[in-house]
Amino acid sequence: MKDIKPSNKPVRDTKKFTPKFNYADRLVLSQELKDKIKSEGLVFRFLNKLELQQNQGYHRSHWTAYRVQGEDIAKFGALPDGSFVRGDLVLGVRTTEVNQAHKDYLAERNLAYKGYNKKKAQEMREDIRRKGLGDHVAVDDSDDFDKDESED
């Protein structure tokens, strides 16, 4: 075994190992395929193939496996059945209407959670005042408790 010789170079001058293969590249779709999916009124994402198989193709957020047919199989590099599989992921799609409805639902749910916190904070302030516990301390009525602390 050869002795390792110390280097006189500073750490910033030594070469870092960079892999030649970027694993994120496996999930990149051609722009032509993206345009085809968009023109069909669909949005896409990759889904867990095993989970989709276990649930007989049902996804709780209404995603389905995307398949192409005919000449498009060879054109876009799909599997013989027309699906796009990358490792344990499969390309899934859903309509833009369903996608927007899901986004709206998530935004509404988020607002409900924030509203619940404000309502509970107001109830706590009223309880403090009613019980006379806040006489010696000023109870802040501002609703800035949900602001990000980094804004201070």
C-alpha atoms as a PDB file:
ATOM      1  CA  MET A   1       0.000   0.000   0.000  1.00  0.00           C
ATOM      2  CA  LYS A   2       1.378   3.370  -0.972  1.00  0.00           C
ATOM      3  CA  ASP A   3       1.769   6.119   1.551  1.00  0.00           C
ATOM      4  CA  ILE A   4      -0.596   9.010   1.120  1.00  0.00           C
ATOM      5  CA  LYS A   5       1.320  12.227   0.677  1.00  0.00           C
ATOM      6  CA  PRO A   6      -0.135  15.365   2.159  1.00  0.00           C
ATOM      7  CA  SER A   7      -1.128  18.054  -0.280  1.00  0.00           C
ATOM      8  CA  ASN A   8       0.103  21.596   0.075  1.00  0.00           C
ATOM      9  CA  LYS A   9      -2.905  22.918  -1.833  1.00  0.00           C
ATOM     10  CA  PRO A  10      -5.632  24.699   0.112  1.00  0.00           C
ATOM     11  CA  VAL A  11      -8.913  22.813   0.332  1.00  0.00           C
ATOM     12  CA  ARG A  12     -10.668  25.271  -1.986  1.00  0.00           C
ATOM     13  CA  ASP A  13      -8.193  24.434  -4.780  1.00  0.00           C
ATOM     14  CA  THR A  14      -8.689  20.676  -4.659  1.00  0.00           C
ATOM     15  CA  LYS A  15     -11.094  19.143  -7.150  1.00  0.00           C
ATOM     16  CA  LYS A  16     -14.409  18.016  -5.805  1.00  0.00           C
ATOM     17  CA  PHE A  17     -16.010  14.804  -6.940  1.00  0.00           C
ATOM     18  CA  THR A  18     -18.919  15.469  -9.235  1.00  0.00           C
ATOM     19  CA  PRO A  19     -20.819  12.468 -10.559  1.00  0.00           C
ATOM     20  CA  LYS A  20     -21.235  12.280 -14.315  1.00  0.00           C
ATOM     21  CA  PHE A  21     -24.782  11.014 -13.958  1.00  0.00           C
ATOM     22  CA  ASN A  22     -27.394  13.269 -12.406  1.00  0.00           C
ATOM     23  CA  TYR A  23     -30.216  11.185 -10.949  1.00  0.00           C
ATOM     24  CA  ALA A  24     -32.734  14.008 -11.410  1.00  0.00           C
ATOM     25  CA  ASP A  25     -32.188  13.737 -15.180  1.00  0.00           C
ATOM     26  CA  ARG A  26     -34.100  10.455 -15.156  1.00  0.00           C
ATOM     27  CA  LEU A  27     -37.275  12.356 -14.337  1.00  0.00           C
ATOM     28  CA  VAL A  28     -36.873  14.960 -17.059  1.00  0.00           C
ATOM     29  CA  LEU A  29     -39.394  14.691 -19.867  1.00  0.00           C
ATOM     30  CA  SER A  30     -38.856  15.999 -23.363  1.00  0.00           C
ATOM     31  CA  GLN A  31     -40.445  19.353 -24.105  1.00  0.00           C
ATOM     32  CA  GLU A  32     -42.419  17.720 -26.914  1.00  0.00           C
ATOM     33  CA  LEU A  33     -43.999  15.234 -24.482  1.00  0.00           C
ATOM     34  CA  LYS A  34     -44.756  18.022 -21.986  1.00  0.00           C
ATOM     35  CA  ASP A  35     -46.463  19.995 -24.755  1.00  0.00           C
ATOM     36  CA  LYS A  36     -48.486  16.926 -25.805  1.00  0.00           C
ATOM     37  CA  ILE A  37     -49.696  16.375 -22.236  1.00  0.00           C
ATOM     38  CA  LYS A  38     -50.567  20.055 -21.833  1.00  0.00           C
ATOM     39  CA  SER A  39     -52.435  20.145 -25.160  1.00  0.00           C
ATOM     40  CA  GLU A  40     -54.617  17.270 -23.914  1.00  0.00           C
ATOM     41  CA  GLY A  41     -55.665  19.416 -20.926  1.00  0.00           C
ATOM     42  CA  LEU A  42     -53.645  17.406 -18.423  1.00  0.00           C
ATOM     43  CA  VAL A  43     -51.008  18.079 -15.776  1.00  0.00           C
ATOM     44  CA  PHE A  44     -48.370  15.505 -14.870  1.00  0.00           C
ATOM     45  CA  ARG A  45     -46.236  14.226 -12.036  1.00  0.00           C
ATOM     46  CA  PHE A  46     -44.476  11.013 -11.152  1.00  0.00           C
ATOM     47  CA  LEU A  47     -46.287   8.539  -8.890  1.00  0.00           C
ATOM     48  CA  ASN A  48     -45.085   5.616  -6.820  1.00  0.00           C
ATOM     49  CA  LYS A  49     -45.601   2.598  -9.079  1.00  0.00           C
ATOM     50  CA  LEU A  50     -45.838   0.039  -6.270  1.00  0.00           C
ATOM     51  CA  GLU A  51     -48.486   2.044  -4.406  1.00  0.00           C
ATOM     52  CA  LEU A  52     -50.484   2.470  -7.608  1.00  0.00           C
ATOM     53  CA  GLN A  53     -50.312  -1.290  -8.297  1.00  0.00           C
ATOM     54  CA  GLN A  54     -51.373  -2.171  -4.755  1.00  0.00           C
ATOM     55  CA  ASN A  55     -54.400   0.112  -5.068  1.00  0.00           C
ATOM     56  CA  GLN A  56     -55.417  -1.331  -8.470  1.00  0.00           C
ATOM     57  CA  GLY A  57     -54.521   1.884 -10.286  1.00  0.00           C
ATOM     58  CA  TYR A  58     -56.456   4.141  -7.899  1.00  0.00           C
ATOM     59  CA  HIS A  59     -54.736   7.211  -6.454  1.00  0.00           C
ATOM     60  CA  ARG A  60     -56.384   9.175  -3.645  1.00  0.00           C
ATOM     61  CA  SER A  61     -55.743  12.477  -5.438  1.00  0.00           C
ATOM     62  CA  HIS A  62     -57.229  11.244  -8.747  1.00  0.00           C
ATOM     63  CA  TRP A  63     -53.957  10.694 -10.610  1.00  0.00           C
ATOM     64  CA  THR A  64     -53.874   7.989 -13.290  1.00  0.00           C
ATOM     65  CA  ALA A  65     -50.968   6.439 -15.176  1.00  0.00           C
ATOM     66  CA  TYR A  66     -50.337   8.162 -18.501  1.00  0.00           C
ATOM     67  CA  ARG A  67     -50.069   6.025 -21.626  1.00  0.00           C
ATOM     68  CA  VAL A  68     -49.362   6.839 -25.248  1.00  0.00           C
ATOM     69  CA  GLN A  69     -50.367   4.696 -28.217  1.00  0.00           C
ATOM     70  CA  GLY A  70     -49.151   3.857 -31.691  1.00  0.00           C
ATOM     71  CA  GLU A  71     -46.169   5.722 -33.099  1.00  0.00           C
ATOM     72  CA  ASP A  72     -45.868   7.844 -29.970  1.00  0.00           C
ATOM     73  CA  ILE A  73     -44.514   4.858 -28.023  1.00  0.00           C
ATOM     74  CA  ALA A  74     -41.234   4.874 -29.957  1.00  0.00           C
ATOM     75  CA  LYS A  75     -41.251   8.637 -30.450  1.00  0.00           C
ATOM     76  CA  PHE A  76     -41.282   9.427 -26.708  1.00  0.00           C
ATOM     77  CA  GLY A  77     -39.393   6.355 -25.471  1.00  0.00           C
ATOM     78  CA  ALA A  78     -42.258   4.750 -23.582  1.00  0.00           C
ATOM     79  CA  LEU A  79     -42.472   1.105 -22.545  1.00  0.00           C
ATOM     80  CA  PRO A  80     -44.263  -1.278 -24.940  1.00  0.00           C
ATOM     81  CA  ASP A  81     -47.540  -0.780 -23.053  1.00  0.00           C
ATOM     82  CA  GLY A  82     -47.230   2.989 -23.587  1.00  0.00           C
ATOM     83  CA  SER A  83     -46.415   3.961 -19.991  1.00  0.00           C
ATOM     84  CA  PHE A  84     -43.432   5.943 -18.744  1.00  0.00           C
ATOM     85  CA  VAL A  85     -41.609   4.218 -15.884  1.00  0.00           C
ATOM     86  CA  ARG A  86     -38.509   5.642 -14.207  1.00  0.00           C
ATOM     87  CA  GLY A  87     -37.223   3.297 -11.526  1.00  0.00           C
ATOM     88  CA  ASP A  88     -40.080   2.850  -9.070  1.00  0.00           C
ATOM     89  CA  LEU A  89     -41.994   5.838 -10.456  1.00  0.00           C
ATOM     90  CA  VAL A  90     -44.585   6.006 -13.184  1.00  0.00           C
ATOM     91  CA  LEU A  91     -45.766   9.114 -15.039  1.00  0.00           C
ATOM     92  CA  GLY A  92     -49.240  10.098 -13.874  1.00  0.00           C
ATOM     93  CA  VAL A  93     -51.704  12.710 -15.100  1.00  0.00           C
ATOM     94  CA  ARG A  94     -54.970  14.351 -14.119  1.00  0.00           C
ATOM     95  CA  THR A  95     -57.101  17.001 -15.773  1.00  0.00           C
ATOM     96  CA  THR A  96     -56.385  20.666 -15.172  1.00  0.00           C
ATOM     97  CA  GLU A  97     -59.906  21.102 -13.753  1.00  0.00           C
ATOM     98  CA  VAL A  98     -59.352  18.401 -11.128  1.00  0.00           C
ATOM     99  CA  ASN A  99     -55.898  19.815 -10.426  1.00  0.00           C
ATOM    100  CA  GLN A 100     -57.272  23.328  -9.864  1.00  0.00           C
ATOM    101  CA  ALA A 101     -60.093  22.006  -7.682  1.00  0.00           C
ATOM    102  CA  HIS A 102     -57.535  20.169  -5.531  1.00  0.00           C
ATOM    103  CA  LYS A 103     -55.381  23.300  -5.218  1.00  0.00           C
ATOM    104  CA  ASP A 104     -58.455  25.324  -4.224  1.00  0.00           C
ATOM    105  CA  TYR A 105     -59.362  22.702  -1.612  1.00  0.00           C
ATOM    106  CA  LEU A 106     -55.859  22.836  -0.114  1.00  0.00           C
ATOM    107  CA  ALA A 107     -55.923  26.653  -0.003  1.00  0.00           C
ATOM    108  CA  GLU A 108     -59.365  26.639   1.647  1.00  0.00           C
ATOM    109  CA  ARG A 109     -58.246  24.070   4.210  1.00  0.00           C
ATOM    110  CA  ASN A 110     -55.155  26.143   4.984  1.00  0.00           C
ATOM    111  CA  LEU A 111     -57.307  29.231   5.553  1.00  0.00           C
ATOM    112  CA  ALA A 112     -59.605  27.229   7.813  1.00  0.00           C
ATOM    113  CA  TYR A 113     -56.653  26.167   9.960  1.00  0.00           C
ATOM    114  CA  LYS A 114     -55.416  29.742  10.221  1.00  0.00           C
ATOM    115  CA  GLY A 115     -58.930  30.930  11.074  1.00  0.00           C
ATOM    116  CA  TYR A 116     -59.222  28.254  13.745  1.00  0.00           C
ATOM    117  CA  ASN A 117     -56.017  29.476  15.395  1.00  0.00           C
ATOM    118  CA  LYS A 118     -57.213  33.086  15.370  1.00  0.00           C
ATOM    119  CA  LYS A 119     -60.566  32.065  16.832  1.00  0.00           C
ATOM    120  CA  LYS A 120     -58.893  30.068  19.622  1.00  0.00           C
ATOM    121  CA  ALA A 121     -56.516  32.945  20.406  1.00  0.00           C
ATOM    122  CA  GLN A 122     -59.451  35.356  20.670  1.00  0.00           C
ATOM    123  CA  GLU A 123     -61.303  32.936  22.968  1.00  0.00           C
ATOM    124  CA  MET A 124     -58.229  32.684  25.206  1.00  0.00           C
ATOM    125  CA  ARG A 125     -57.963  36.488  25.414  1.00  0.00           C
ATOM    126  CA  GLU A 126     -61.636  36.747  26.383  1.00  0.00           C
ATOM    127  CA  ASP A 127     -61.218  34.039  29.046  1.00  0.00           C
ATOM    128  CA  ILE A 128     -58.236  35.894  30.511  1.00  0.00           C
ATOM    129  CA  ARG A 129     -60.231  39.123  30.702  1.00  0.00           C
ATOM    130  CA  ARG A 130     -63.361  37.434  32.071  1.00  0.00           C
ATOM    131  CA  LYS A 131     -61.426  35.701  34.847  1.00  0.00           C
ATOM    132  CA  GLY A 132     -59.581  38.884  35.698  1.00  0.00           C
ATOM    133  CA  LEU A 133     -56.212  37.257  35.184  1.00  0.00           C
ATOM    134  CA  GLY A 134     -54.998  39.890  32.769  1.00  0.00           C
ATOM    135  CA  ASP A 135     -55.431  42.894  35.082  1.00  0.00           C
ATOM    136  CA  HIS A 136     -51.747  43.145  35.864  1.00  0.00           C
ATOM    137  CA  VAL A 137     -50.632  42.289  32.286  1.00  0.00           C
ATOM    138  CA  ALA A 138     -51.621  43.946  29.025  1.00  0.00           C
ATOM    139  CA  VAL A 139     -53.382  41.440  26.769  1.00  0.00           C
ATOM    140  CA  ASP A 140     -52.417  42.073  23.169  1.00  0.00           C
ATOM    141  CA  ASP A 141     -55.402  42.075  20.806  1.00  0.00           C
ATOM    142  CA  SER A 142     -53.318  42.039  17.647  1.00  0.00           C
ATOM    143  CA  ASP A 143     -53.541  38.978  15.445  1.00  0.00           C
ATOM    144  CA  ASP A 144     -49.908  39.013  14.414  1.00  0.00           C
ATOM    145  CA  PHE A 145     -49.123  35.762  16.232  1.00  0.00           C
ATOM    146  CA  ASP A 146     -49.193  33.862  12.953  1.00  0.00           C
ATOM    147  CA  LYS A 147     -46.618  36.085  11.277  1.00  0.00           C
ATOM    148  CA  ASP A 148     -43.256  34.628  10.453  1.00  0.00           C
ATOM    149  CA  GLU A 149     -40.687  35.469  13.120  1.00  0.00           C
ATOM    150  CA  SER A 150     -38.154  36.363  10.444  1.00  0.00           C
ATOM    151  CA  GLU A 151     -40.164  39.517   9.674  1.00  0.00           C
ATOM    152  CA  ASP A 152     -39.191  41.120  13.008  1.00  0.00           C
END
